[in-house]
N, C-alpha and C. Protein backbone atom coordinates (compact mmCIF):
# COMPACT_ATOMS: atom_id res chain seq x y z
N MET A 1 68.73 101.55 110.22
CA MET A 1 69.59 101.51 111.25
C MET A 1 69.98 100.38 112.13
N ARG A 2 69.44 99.28 111.70
CA ARG A 2 69.88 97.80 112.45
C ARG A 2 70.87 97.40 111.46
N HIS A 3 71.34 97.73 110.16
CA HIS A 3 72.16 97.27 109.49
C HIS A 3 73.51 98.07 109.26
N CYS A 4 73.31 99.25 109.26
CA CYS A 4 74.60 100.32 109.15
C CYS A 4 75.20 101.09 110.29
N ALA A 5 74.68 100.92 111.49
CA ALA A 5 75.13 101.42 112.94
C ALA A 5 76.60 101.35 112.67
N LEU A 6 77.19 102.07 113.19
CA LEU A 6 78.89 102.08 112.80
C LEU A 6 79.56 102.41 114.18
N ALA A 7 80.18 101.09 114.35
CA ALA A 7 80.92 101.03 115.63
C ALA A 7 81.94 102.02 115.54
N PRO A 8 82.63 102.62 116.57
CA PRO A 8 84.36 103.14 116.48
C PRO A 8 85.45 102.42 115.93
N ILE A 9 86.32 102.61 115.14
CA ILE A 9 87.21 101.82 114.76
C ILE A 9 88.33 102.00 116.16
N PRO A 10 88.75 100.19 116.50
CA PRO A 10 89.61 100.19 117.66
C PRO A 10 90.79 100.73 117.35
N GLY A 11 91.60 101.32 118.32
CA GLY A 11 92.89 101.47 118.22
C GLY A 11 93.40 103.30 118.45
N ARG A 12 93.97 103.54 118.40
CA ARG A 12 94.40 105.16 118.77
C ARG A 12 94.83 105.90 117.55
N GLY A 13 94.90 107.18 117.91
CA GLY A 13 95.42 108.03 116.93
C GLY A 13 94.30 108.24 115.71
N GLY A 14 94.58 109.01 114.45
CA GLY A 14 93.45 109.60 113.66
C GLY A 14 92.97 108.07 112.82
N MET A 15 93.40 107.36 113.02
CA MET A 15 93.16 106.04 112.07
C MET A 15 91.94 105.26 112.85
N ALA A 16 91.83 105.69 114.22
CA ALA A 16 90.81 105.04 114.76
C ALA A 16 89.46 105.86 115.22
N GLY A 17 88.80 105.48 116.17
CA GLY A 17 87.79 106.52 116.59
C GLY A 17 86.56 106.40 115.68
N PRO A 18 85.58 107.17 115.81
CA PRO A 18 84.54 107.52 114.82
C PRO A 18 84.95 107.52 113.50
N VAL A 19 83.99 106.75 112.73
CA VAL A 19 84.20 106.95 111.35
C VAL A 19 83.61 108.14 110.51
N MET A 20 84.62 108.93 109.96
CA MET A 20 84.46 110.34 109.60
C MET A 20 84.16 110.47 108.44
N SER A 21 84.27 109.50 107.27
CA SER A 21 83.47 109.78 106.22
C SER A 21 82.64 108.05 105.88
N HIS A 22 81.53 108.46 106.40
CA HIS A 22 80.58 107.12 106.52
C HIS A 22 79.73 106.49 105.38
N ASP A 23 79.59 107.47 104.36
CA ASP A 23 78.46 107.25 103.26
C ASP A 23 79.05 105.99 102.78
N PHE A 24 80.11 105.76 102.12
CA PHE A 24 80.33 104.44 101.55
C PHE A 24 80.48 103.14 102.81
N VAL A 25 81.15 103.51 103.72
CA VAL A 25 80.71 102.37 104.79
C VAL A 25 79.33 101.48 105.29
N GLU A 26 78.82 102.80 105.22
CA GLU A 26 77.27 102.55 105.49
C GLU A 26 76.46 101.67 104.32
N ALA A 27 76.88 102.25 102.97
CA ALA A 27 76.46 101.70 101.78
C ALA A 27 76.94 100.22 101.69
N ALA A 28 78.29 99.75 102.02
CA ALA A 28 78.87 98.43 102.34
C ALA A 28 78.19 97.74 103.02
N LEU A 29 77.64 97.96 104.29
CA LEU A 29 76.63 97.44 105.25
C LEU A 29 75.68 97.22 105.06
N MET A 30 75.08 97.99 103.95
CA MET A 30 73.43 97.79 103.70
C MET A 30 73.64 96.88 102.68
N ARG A 31 74.73 96.86 101.42
CA ARG A 31 74.77 95.77 100.82
C ARG A 31 74.82 94.36 101.16
N ARG A 32 75.70 94.37 102.39
CA ARG A 32 76.31 93.19 103.04
C ARG A 32 75.02 92.43 103.15
N ALA A 33 73.85 93.26 104.00
CA ALA A 33 72.55 92.74 104.66
C ALA A 33 71.59 92.52 103.36
N GLY A 34 72.00 92.39 101.95
CA GLY A 34 70.98 91.94 101.12
C GLY A 34 70.58 93.14 100.38
N TYR A 35 70.36 94.45 100.74
CA TYR A 35 69.98 95.79 99.97
C TYR A 35 70.46 95.62 98.59
N GLU A 36 69.85 96.25 97.89
CA GLU A 36 70.60 97.01 96.55
C GLU A 36 70.98 98.61 96.75
N VAL A 37 72.16 98.83 96.36
CA VAL A 37 72.66 100.17 97.05
C VAL A 37 72.99 101.07 95.16
N TRP A 38 72.35 102.00 95.47
CA TRP A 38 72.56 102.78 94.14
C TRP A 38 73.17 104.38 94.40
N LEU A 39 74.20 104.77 93.28
CA LEU A 39 74.41 106.12 93.12
C LEU A 39 73.34 106.68 92.70
N VAL A 40 72.68 108.17 93.00
CA VAL A 40 71.55 108.36 92.14
C VAL A 40 72.41 109.78 92.12
N SER A 41 72.18 110.11 90.83
CA SER A 41 73.18 111.69 90.36
C SER A 41 71.89 112.59 90.25
N ASP A 42 70.57 111.96 89.93
CA ASP A 42 69.68 113.36 89.64
C ASP A 42 68.69 113.42 90.78
N LEU A 43 69.20 112.92 91.91
CA LEU A 43 68.21 112.87 93.06
C LEU A 43 67.83 114.40 93.28
N ALA A 44 66.44 115.24 93.62
CA ALA A 44 66.13 116.40 93.61
C ALA A 44 65.66 116.40 95.12
N GLY A 45 66.39 117.88 95.63
CA GLY A 45 65.75 118.48 96.78
C GLY A 45 66.82 118.00 97.92
N SER A 46 68.26 117.07 97.80
CA SER A 46 68.99 116.47 98.38
C SER A 46 70.39 116.85 98.30
N TYR A 47 71.23 117.54 98.65
CA TYR A 47 72.30 118.22 98.31
C TYR A 47 73.14 118.84 99.79
N GLU A 48 74.45 118.88 99.30
CA GLU A 48 75.24 119.60 100.49
C GLU A 48 75.62 121.06 99.83
N GLN A 49 75.33 122.04 100.84
CA GLN A 49 75.43 123.27 100.04
C GLN A 49 77.13 123.88 100.64
N GLN A 50 77.69 124.28 99.76
CA GLN A 50 79.03 124.83 99.89
C GLN A 50 79.23 125.43 101.42
N GLN A 51 80.57 125.00 102.14
CA GLN A 51 80.80 125.97 103.20
C GLN A 51 80.85 127.40 103.17
N PRO A 52 80.21 128.16 104.20
CA PRO A 52 80.26 129.70 104.18
C PRO A 52 81.68 130.39 104.37
N ASP A 53 82.56 129.43 104.49
CA ASP A 53 83.78 129.99 104.34
C ASP A 53 85.13 129.26 104.26
N LEU A 54 86.41 129.66 103.87
CA LEU A 54 87.32 128.77 103.61
C LEU A 54 87.71 128.25 105.13
N LEU A 55 87.53 128.83 106.23
CA LEU A 55 88.15 127.81 107.58
C LEU A 55 87.23 126.88 107.60
N SER A 56 85.95 127.04 107.36
CA SER A 56 85.04 125.95 107.58
C SER A 56 85.15 124.76 106.41
N GLU A 57 85.47 125.51 105.11
CA GLU A 57 85.56 124.16 103.84
C GLU A 57 86.97 123.33 104.50
N LEU A 58 87.91 124.25 105.08
CA LEU A 58 89.06 123.29 105.38
C LEU A 58 88.82 122.33 106.59
N GLN A 59 87.94 122.75 107.24
CA GLN A 59 87.91 121.93 108.20
C GLN A 59 87.06 120.69 107.91
N ARG A 60 86.02 121.18 106.69
CA ARG A 60 84.87 119.71 106.31
C ARG A 60 85.97 119.00 105.49
N ASP A 61 87.16 119.53 104.64
CA ASP A 61 88.12 118.68 103.78
C ASP A 61 89.29 117.80 104.99
N ARG A 62 89.42 118.33 106.24
CA ARG A 62 90.06 117.30 107.06
C ARG A 62 89.41 116.37 107.29
N ARG A 63 88.18 116.50 107.69
CA ARG A 63 87.54 115.17 108.13
C ARG A 63 87.26 114.63 107.22
N TRP A 64 87.09 114.84 105.95
CA TRP A 64 86.99 114.19 104.76
C TRP A 64 88.32 113.26 104.44
N CYS A 65 89.25 113.93 104.42
CA CYS A 65 90.62 113.32 104.56
C CYS A 65 91.08 111.86 105.50
N GLN A 66 90.61 112.55 106.57
CA GLN A 66 91.11 111.51 107.86
C GLN A 66 89.87 110.56 107.40
N GLY A 67 88.65 110.65 107.09
CA GLY A 67 87.71 109.63 106.65
C GLY A 67 88.31 108.39 105.64
N ASN A 68 88.93 109.13 104.80
CA ASN A 68 89.22 108.63 103.64
C ASN A 68 90.39 107.69 103.91
N LEU A 69 91.12 107.68 104.83
CA LEU A 69 92.35 107.09 105.36
C LEU A 69 92.10 106.24 106.24
N GLN A 70 90.71 106.37 106.97
CA GLN A 70 90.20 105.32 107.88
C GLN A 70 89.82 104.38 107.05
N ASN A 71 88.86 104.90 105.96
CA ASN A 71 88.24 104.00 104.76
C ASN A 71 89.14 102.63 104.26
N SER A 72 90.59 103.20 104.22
CA SER A 72 91.65 102.38 103.64
C SER A 72 91.94 101.45 104.62
N ARG A 73 91.89 101.53 106.00
CA ARG A 73 91.84 100.76 106.99
C ARG A 73 90.94 99.83 107.20
N LEU A 74 89.66 99.97 106.62
CA LEU A 74 88.45 99.15 106.60
C LEU A 74 88.65 98.27 105.42
N MET A 75 88.88 98.99 104.59
CA MET A 75 89.18 98.17 103.21
C MET A 75 89.87 97.12 103.68
N ALA A 76 91.06 97.33 104.44
CA ALA A 76 92.26 96.13 104.38
C ALA A 76 91.49 94.84 105.20
N VAL A 77 90.70 95.31 106.03
CA VAL A 77 89.96 94.20 107.05
C VAL A 77 88.62 93.66 105.97
N PHE A 78 88.26 94.36 105.09
CA PHE A 78 87.35 93.96 104.09
C PHE A 78 87.85 92.66 102.94
N LEU A 79 89.04 93.06 102.36
CA LEU A 79 90.12 92.41 101.56
C LEU A 79 90.80 91.34 102.19
N SER A 80 91.18 91.52 103.39
CA SER A 80 91.73 90.19 104.20
C SER A 80 90.85 89.20 103.99
N ARG A 81 89.59 88.72 103.97
CA ARG A 81 88.93 88.11 103.91
C ARG A 81 88.48 87.51 102.21
N ASP A 82 88.21 88.69 101.73
CA ASP A 82 87.93 87.97 100.16
C ASP A 82 88.78 88.51 98.95
N GLN A 83 90.01 88.93 99.50
CA GLN A 83 90.77 89.07 98.21
C GLN A 83 91.30 88.09 97.02
N GLN A 84 91.02 87.13 97.56
CA GLN A 84 91.66 86.16 96.65
C GLN A 84 90.45 85.85 95.60
N THR A 85 89.20 86.00 96.36
CA THR A 85 88.04 85.74 94.81
C THR A 85 88.28 86.80 93.99
N PHE A 86 88.82 88.18 94.56
CA PHE A 86 89.00 89.10 93.39
C PHE A 86 90.28 89.43 92.50
N GLY A 87 91.48 88.28 92.95
CA GLY A 87 92.62 88.47 92.24
C GLY A 87 93.68 88.64 93.28
N GLY A 88 93.43 88.72 94.63
CA GLY A 88 94.24 89.22 95.48
C GLY A 88 94.63 90.69 95.96
N ALA A 89 95.83 90.94 96.51
CA ALA A 89 96.15 92.31 97.03
C ALA A 89 96.95 92.76 95.83
N ARG A 90 97.88 92.00 95.16
CA ARG A 90 98.86 92.60 94.15
C ARG A 90 98.39 93.12 93.15
N ALA A 91 97.35 92.49 92.74
CA ALA A 91 96.77 92.86 91.28
C ALA A 91 96.65 94.51 91.55
N PRO A 92 95.40 95.01 92.56
CA PRO A 92 95.12 96.31 92.33
C PRO A 92 96.22 97.24 92.83
N MET A 93 97.45 96.76 93.40
CA MET A 93 98.43 97.59 93.78
C MET A 93 99.20 97.64 92.63
N ARG A 94 99.24 96.33 91.81
CA ARG A 94 100.06 96.91 90.01
C ARG A 94 99.14 97.82 89.50
N SER A 95 97.90 97.59 89.23
CA SER A 95 97.00 98.52 88.63
C SER A 95 97.23 99.95 88.86
N ALA A 96 97.40 100.09 90.39
CA ALA A 96 97.08 101.54 90.83
C ALA A 96 98.61 102.14 90.45
N ALA A 97 99.38 101.33 90.90
CA ALA A 97 100.61 101.96 90.16
C ALA A 97 101.03 102.38 88.97
N ALA A 98 100.24 101.32 87.97
CA ALA A 98 100.61 101.85 86.84
C ALA A 98 99.61 102.88 86.03
N GLU A 99 98.66 102.79 86.68
CA GLU A 99 97.87 104.27 86.56
C GLU A 99 98.24 105.54 86.86
N THR A 100 99.00 105.51 87.98
CA THR A 100 99.63 106.62 88.61
C THR A 100 100.91 107.24 87.58
N LEU A 101 101.59 106.24 87.17
CA LEU A 101 102.60 106.47 86.35
C LEU A 101 102.10 106.93 85.01
N LEU A 102 101.06 106.50 84.68
CA LEU A 102 100.62 106.98 83.24
C LEU A 102 99.78 108.36 83.14
N ALA A 103 99.43 108.56 84.35
CA ALA A 103 98.57 109.74 84.63
C ALA A 103 100.04 110.66 84.68
N VAL A 104 100.86 110.50 85.59
CA VAL A 104 102.20 111.52 85.90
C VAL A 104 102.49 111.79 84.33
N LEU A 105 102.89 110.58 83.26
CA LEU A 105 103.08 111.23 82.27
C LEU A 105 102.21 112.13 81.13
N GLN A 106 101.30 111.78 81.67
CA GLN A 106 100.14 112.41 80.48
C GLN A 106 99.85 113.66 81.37
N ALA A 107 99.73 113.99 82.83
CA ALA A 107 99.55 115.20 83.14
C ALA A 107 100.12 116.63 82.54
N PRO A 108 101.58 116.48 82.04
CA PRO A 108 101.97 118.07 81.48
C PRO A 108 101.39 117.70 79.86
N VAL A 109 100.98 116.90 79.04
CA VAL A 109 100.30 116.82 77.81
C VAL A 109 98.84 117.79 78.29
N ARG A 110 98.19 117.05 78.94
CA ARG A 110 96.68 117.61 79.34
C ARG A 110 97.15 119.12 79.94
N MET A 111 98.08 119.12 80.45
CA MET A 111 98.03 120.73 81.11
C MET A 111 98.43 121.83 79.74
N LEU A 112 99.36 121.45 78.86
CA LEU A 112 99.67 122.16 77.55
C LEU A 112 98.57 122.31 77.08
N ALA A 113 97.79 121.26 76.52
CA ALA A 113 96.70 121.19 75.61
C ALA A 113 95.72 122.04 75.94
N HIS A 114 95.26 121.89 77.63
CA HIS A 114 94.27 122.59 78.03
C HIS A 114 94.30 124.01 77.91
N SER A 115 95.77 124.76 78.18
CA SER A 115 95.91 126.01 78.24
C SER A 115 95.65 126.55 76.48
N LEU A 116 96.27 125.68 75.52
CA LEU A 116 95.99 125.80 74.32
C LEU A 116 94.31 125.80 74.16
N PHE A 117 93.20 124.91 74.36
CA PHE A 117 92.07 125.05 74.24
C PHE A 117 91.37 126.25 74.47
N VAL A 118 91.79 126.71 75.58
CA VAL A 118 91.25 128.08 76.33
C VAL A 118 91.78 129.44 75.45
N LEU A 119 93.16 129.23 75.33
CA LEU A 119 93.34 130.52 74.27
C LEU A 119 92.93 130.36 72.82
N VAL A 120 92.72 129.34 72.37
CA VAL A 120 91.87 128.84 70.94
C VAL A 120 90.57 129.73 71.18
N ALA A 121 90.14 128.96 72.26
CA ALA A 121 88.65 129.51 72.40
C ALA A 121 88.59 131.54 72.58
N LEU A 122 89.51 131.94 73.36
CA LEU A 122 89.24 133.04 73.17
C LEU A 122 89.67 134.05 71.97
N THR A 123 90.10 133.58 71.28
CA THR A 123 90.55 133.92 69.81
C THR A 123 89.48 134.16 69.07
N GLY A 124 88.69 133.41 69.32
CA GLY A 124 87.00 133.08 68.46
C GLY A 124 87.39 132.14 67.49
N LEU A 125 88.31 131.25 67.46
CA LEU A 125 88.36 130.43 66.30
C LEU A 125 87.00 129.38 66.25
N LYS A 126 86.64 128.88 65.09
CA LYS A 126 85.92 128.36 65.26
C LYS A 126 86.31 126.74 65.64
N LEU A 127 85.62 126.03 66.29
CA LEU A 127 85.82 124.49 66.81
C LEU A 127 84.80 124.12 65.85
N GLU A 128 85.24 122.84 65.26
CA GLU A 128 84.26 121.71 64.55
C GLU A 128 84.38 120.59 65.47
N TRP A 129 82.92 120.73 66.13
CA TRP A 129 83.07 119.20 67.29
C TRP A 129 82.83 117.81 66.27
N LYS A 130 83.33 116.96 66.35
CA LYS A 130 82.81 115.63 66.03
C LYS A 130 83.12 114.45 67.22
N SER A 131 82.39 113.66 67.34
CA SER A 131 82.20 112.99 68.72
C SER A 131 83.26 111.98 68.67
N PRO A 132 84.07 112.04 69.50
CA PRO A 132 84.90 110.89 69.49
C PRO A 132 84.65 109.50 69.91
N PRO A 133 85.37 108.60 69.17
CA PRO A 133 85.31 107.14 68.90
C PRO A 133 85.08 106.64 70.44
N ARG A 134 84.27 105.74 70.49
CA ARG A 134 84.36 105.14 71.83
C ARG A 134 84.71 103.61 72.15
N GLU A 135 85.09 103.07 71.08
CA GLU A 135 85.71 102.03 71.08
C GLU A 135 87.03 102.01 71.01
N ALA A 136 87.88 101.27 71.66
CA ALA A 136 89.33 101.12 71.19
C ALA A 136 89.90 100.77 70.12
N ALA A 137 90.65 101.82 69.63
CA ALA A 137 91.37 101.68 68.50
C ALA A 137 92.88 102.17 68.51
N ALA A 138 93.67 101.43 68.02
CA ALA A 138 95.09 102.15 67.90
C ALA A 138 94.89 103.49 67.36
N ILE A 139 95.72 104.64 67.67
CA ILE A 139 95.92 105.66 67.01
C ILE A 139 97.36 105.30 66.10
N SER A 140 97.24 106.13 64.64
CA SER A 140 98.36 105.74 63.69
C SER A 140 99.50 106.89 64.43
N TRP A 141 100.89 106.71 63.78
CA TRP A 141 101.79 107.73 64.01
C TRP A 141 101.99 108.61 63.22
N ARG A 142 100.54 108.76 62.10
CA ARG A 142 100.52 109.99 61.50
C ARG A 142 99.59 110.83 62.07
N ASP A 143 98.31 109.98 62.61
CA ASP A 143 97.43 111.19 63.31
C ASP A 143 98.40 111.55 64.83
N ALA A 144 98.54 111.07 65.36
CA ALA A 144 99.56 111.81 66.94
C ALA A 144 100.50 112.94 66.21
N ALA A 145 101.36 112.45 65.15
CA ALA A 145 101.98 113.46 65.11
C ALA A 145 101.42 114.50 64.26
N ALA A 146 100.17 114.50 64.08
CA ALA A 146 99.52 115.44 63.36
C ALA A 146 99.28 116.33 64.37
N ARG A 147 98.80 115.92 65.48
CA ARG A 147 97.97 116.59 66.29
C ARG A 147 99.11 116.96 67.53
N LEU A 148 100.28 116.61 67.74
CA LEU A 148 101.00 116.56 69.03
C LEU A 148 102.36 117.00 68.41
N SER A 149 102.72 117.12 67.18
CA SER A 149 104.08 117.72 66.86
C SER A 149 104.17 119.09 67.24
N PRO A 150 103.33 120.03 66.73
CA PRO A 150 103.66 121.18 67.12
C PRO A 150 103.69 121.71 68.24
N MET A 151 102.87 120.76 69.64
CA MET A 151 103.27 121.13 70.93
C MET A 151 104.57 120.62 71.01
N THR A 152 105.20 119.37 70.68
CA THR A 152 106.63 118.82 71.19
C THR A 152 107.57 120.03 70.83
N GLY A 153 107.38 120.25 69.25
CA GLY A 153 108.49 121.29 68.85
C GLY A 153 108.44 122.77 69.89
N LEU A 154 107.67 123.32 70.02
CA LEU A 154 107.41 124.47 70.94
C LEU A 154 108.26 123.85 72.22
N VAL A 155 108.11 122.78 72.73
CA VAL A 155 108.59 122.57 74.06
C VAL A 155 110.09 122.14 73.65
N GLY A 156 110.39 121.81 72.49
CA GLY A 156 111.76 121.49 72.23
C GLY A 156 112.83 122.65 72.18
N LEU A 157 112.25 123.55 71.34
CA LEU A 157 112.54 125.21 71.16
C LEU A 157 112.89 125.86 72.65
N LEU A 158 111.80 126.03 73.32
CA LEU A 158 111.82 126.43 74.80
C LEU A 158 113.06 125.60 75.79
N ALA A 159 113.07 124.16 75.56
CA ALA A 159 114.22 123.49 76.11
C ALA A 159 115.75 124.06 75.77
N LEU A 160 115.68 124.14 74.31
CA LEU A 160 116.91 124.87 73.74
C LEU A 160 117.33 126.00 74.35
N ALA A 161 116.14 126.93 74.33
CA ALA A 161 116.62 128.32 75.39
C ALA A 161 116.68 128.27 76.25
N ALA A 162 116.50 127.39 77.07
CA ALA A 162 116.45 127.09 78.48
C ALA A 162 118.04 126.87 78.66
N ALA A 163 118.38 125.72 77.99
CA ALA A 163 119.90 125.03 78.02
C ALA A 163 120.74 126.10 77.37
N TRP A 164 120.55 127.05 77.02
CA TRP A 164 121.10 128.20 76.08
C TRP A 164 121.52 129.31 77.45
N VAL A 165 120.45 129.76 78.38
CA VAL A 165 120.44 130.67 79.05
C VAL A 165 121.04 129.75 80.48
N ASP A 166 120.82 128.88 81.01
CA ASP A 166 121.09 128.04 82.34
C ASP A 166 121.13 126.52 82.11
N PRO A 167 122.00 125.74 81.76
CA PRO A 167 121.89 124.23 81.34
C PRO A 167 121.56 123.52 82.51
N ALA A 168 121.74 124.06 83.97
CA ALA A 168 121.27 123.18 85.06
C ALA A 168 119.80 123.45 85.12
N ALA A 169 119.01 124.40 84.52
CA ALA A 169 117.42 124.62 84.59
C ALA A 169 116.72 123.31 83.91
N LEU A 170 117.52 122.73 82.95
CA LEU A 170 116.97 121.55 82.32
C LEU A 170 116.35 120.39 83.12
N VAL A 171 117.21 120.27 84.45
CA VAL A 171 117.26 119.33 85.40
C VAL A 171 115.54 119.58 86.15
N LEU A 172 115.30 120.87 86.45
CA LEU A 172 114.18 121.19 86.81
C LEU A 172 113.02 121.00 86.07
N LEU A 173 113.36 121.17 84.73
CA LEU A 173 112.27 121.30 83.74
C LEU A 173 111.99 119.92 83.04
N ALA A 174 112.87 118.74 83.46
CA ALA A 174 113.03 117.79 82.90
C ALA A 174 111.32 116.70 83.20
N PRO A 175 111.05 116.60 84.38
CA PRO A 175 109.57 115.92 84.76
C PRO A 175 108.30 116.39 83.89
N VAL A 176 108.23 117.57 83.39
CA VAL A 176 107.47 118.54 82.54
C VAL A 176 107.80 118.11 81.05
N ALA A 177 108.95 118.24 80.87
CA ALA A 177 109.48 118.32 79.42
C ALA A 177 109.54 117.21 78.57
N TRP A 178 109.95 116.13 79.46
CA TRP A 178 110.04 114.71 78.98
C TRP A 178 108.51 114.25 78.28
N PRO A 179 107.86 114.48 79.34
CA PRO A 179 106.70 113.98 78.85
C PRO A 179 106.06 114.58 77.55
N LEU A 180 106.12 116.04 77.21
CA LEU A 180 105.61 116.64 76.12
C LEU A 180 106.74 116.32 74.91
N LEU A 181 107.87 116.14 75.16
CA LEU A 181 108.98 115.55 73.75
C LEU A 181 108.23 114.34 73.69
N LEU A 182 107.87 113.42 74.52
CA LEU A 182 107.58 112.08 74.17
C LEU A 182 106.30 111.67 73.94
N ALA A 183 105.47 113.03 73.92
CA ALA A 183 103.98 112.96 73.66
C ALA A 183 103.49 112.10 72.45
N VAL A 184 104.17 112.01 71.18
CA VAL A 184 103.78 111.55 70.30
C VAL A 184 103.86 109.73 70.41
N PRO A 185 105.18 109.54 70.85
CA PRO A 185 105.22 107.78 71.11
C PRO A 185 103.95 107.44 72.13
N LEU A 186 104.30 108.13 73.49
CA LEU A 186 103.21 107.84 74.34
C LEU A 186 101.41 107.84 73.94
N ALA A 187 101.17 108.65 73.29
CA ALA A 187 99.96 108.51 72.82
C ALA A 187 99.80 107.59 71.68
N VAL A 188 100.39 106.86 70.76
CA VAL A 188 100.81 105.68 70.01
C VAL A 188 100.68 104.46 70.85
N PHE A 189 101.84 104.28 71.77
CA PHE A 189 101.91 103.14 72.30
C PHE A 189 100.56 102.71 73.45
N THR A 190 100.19 104.27 74.30
CA THR A 190 98.94 103.71 74.83
C THR A 190 97.67 103.43 74.35
N SER A 191 97.58 103.65 73.30
CA SER A 191 96.47 103.57 72.47
C SER A 191 96.19 101.75 72.35
N HIS A 192 97.21 101.22 72.13
CA HIS A 192 97.35 99.98 71.61
C HIS A 192 96.63 98.96 72.29
N VAL A 193 95.57 98.20 71.66
CA VAL A 193 94.39 97.38 72.42
C VAL A 193 95.33 96.20 72.62
N SER A 194 96.71 95.77 72.13
CA SER A 194 96.99 94.62 72.37
C SER A 194 98.01 95.02 73.68
N LEU A 195 98.33 96.24 73.55
CA LEU A 195 99.21 96.61 75.21
C LEU A 195 98.10 95.97 76.29
N GLY A 196 96.82 96.96 75.94
CA GLY A 196 96.14 96.61 77.24
C GLY A 196 95.85 95.25 77.41
N CYS A 197 95.29 94.56 76.46
CA CYS A 197 95.23 92.71 76.96
C CYS A 197 96.30 92.45 77.41
N TRP A 198 97.43 92.80 76.70
CA TRP A 198 98.84 92.19 77.11
C TRP A 198 98.77 92.14 79.00
N MET A 199 98.38 93.65 79.62
CA MET A 199 98.66 93.95 80.80
C MET A 199 97.25 93.22 81.59
N ARG A 200 96.36 93.11 81.00
CA ARG A 200 95.18 92.33 81.60
C ARG A 200 95.32 91.39 82.12
N GLU A 201 95.98 90.17 81.17
CA GLU A 201 96.53 88.92 81.18
C GLU A 201 97.37 89.05 82.27
N ARG A 202 98.13 89.78 82.50
CA ARG A 202 98.96 90.02 83.54
C ARG A 202 98.59 90.21 85.22
N GLY A 203 97.40 91.00 85.05
CA GLY A 203 97.01 91.48 86.34
C GLY A 203 97.18 92.77 86.49
N CYS A 204 97.18 93.64 85.53
CA CYS A 204 97.74 94.95 85.87
C CYS A 204 96.23 95.67 85.75
């Protein structure tokens, strides 16, 4: 308690007052005091039971949401002192922006692929499992086309059908359709180790 007693955050509004999401704040204070801090995934006899109803669950989620926003304010104070040691504030912002863009582009591909996985599993087709590679290696155009071309072709046909019925619908479908149509080059380019090294050299 001597090292992780939490004082209220100064100011007014939802970003001030008692710390709502306290676990990592307390862990950071303990680490600052010189203790080792571990995330233990196999701790027996300690867990948080699911809320008994939807309203209680939403109430907890609101507390967590506000607490996470408060933590961002606390991080801005931890970073203002030590951020230059870890590359400054711009580097994580660039990295977060790049990761968000990549996640948006990959989300439609994952969505359709997962739907196909469920459909294939329900049909009883046999799955031959091979452990995926753990080391970074570039995907060839042939492998990407073999895996993703059927998906791309299906989406292309659906886009043509939508354009024939109502061309204006293509505008609404574009955020989902374009990543699916470009799935093959997206998979190839994002697998290149040289691209990752280039981004790392520039602090992305």
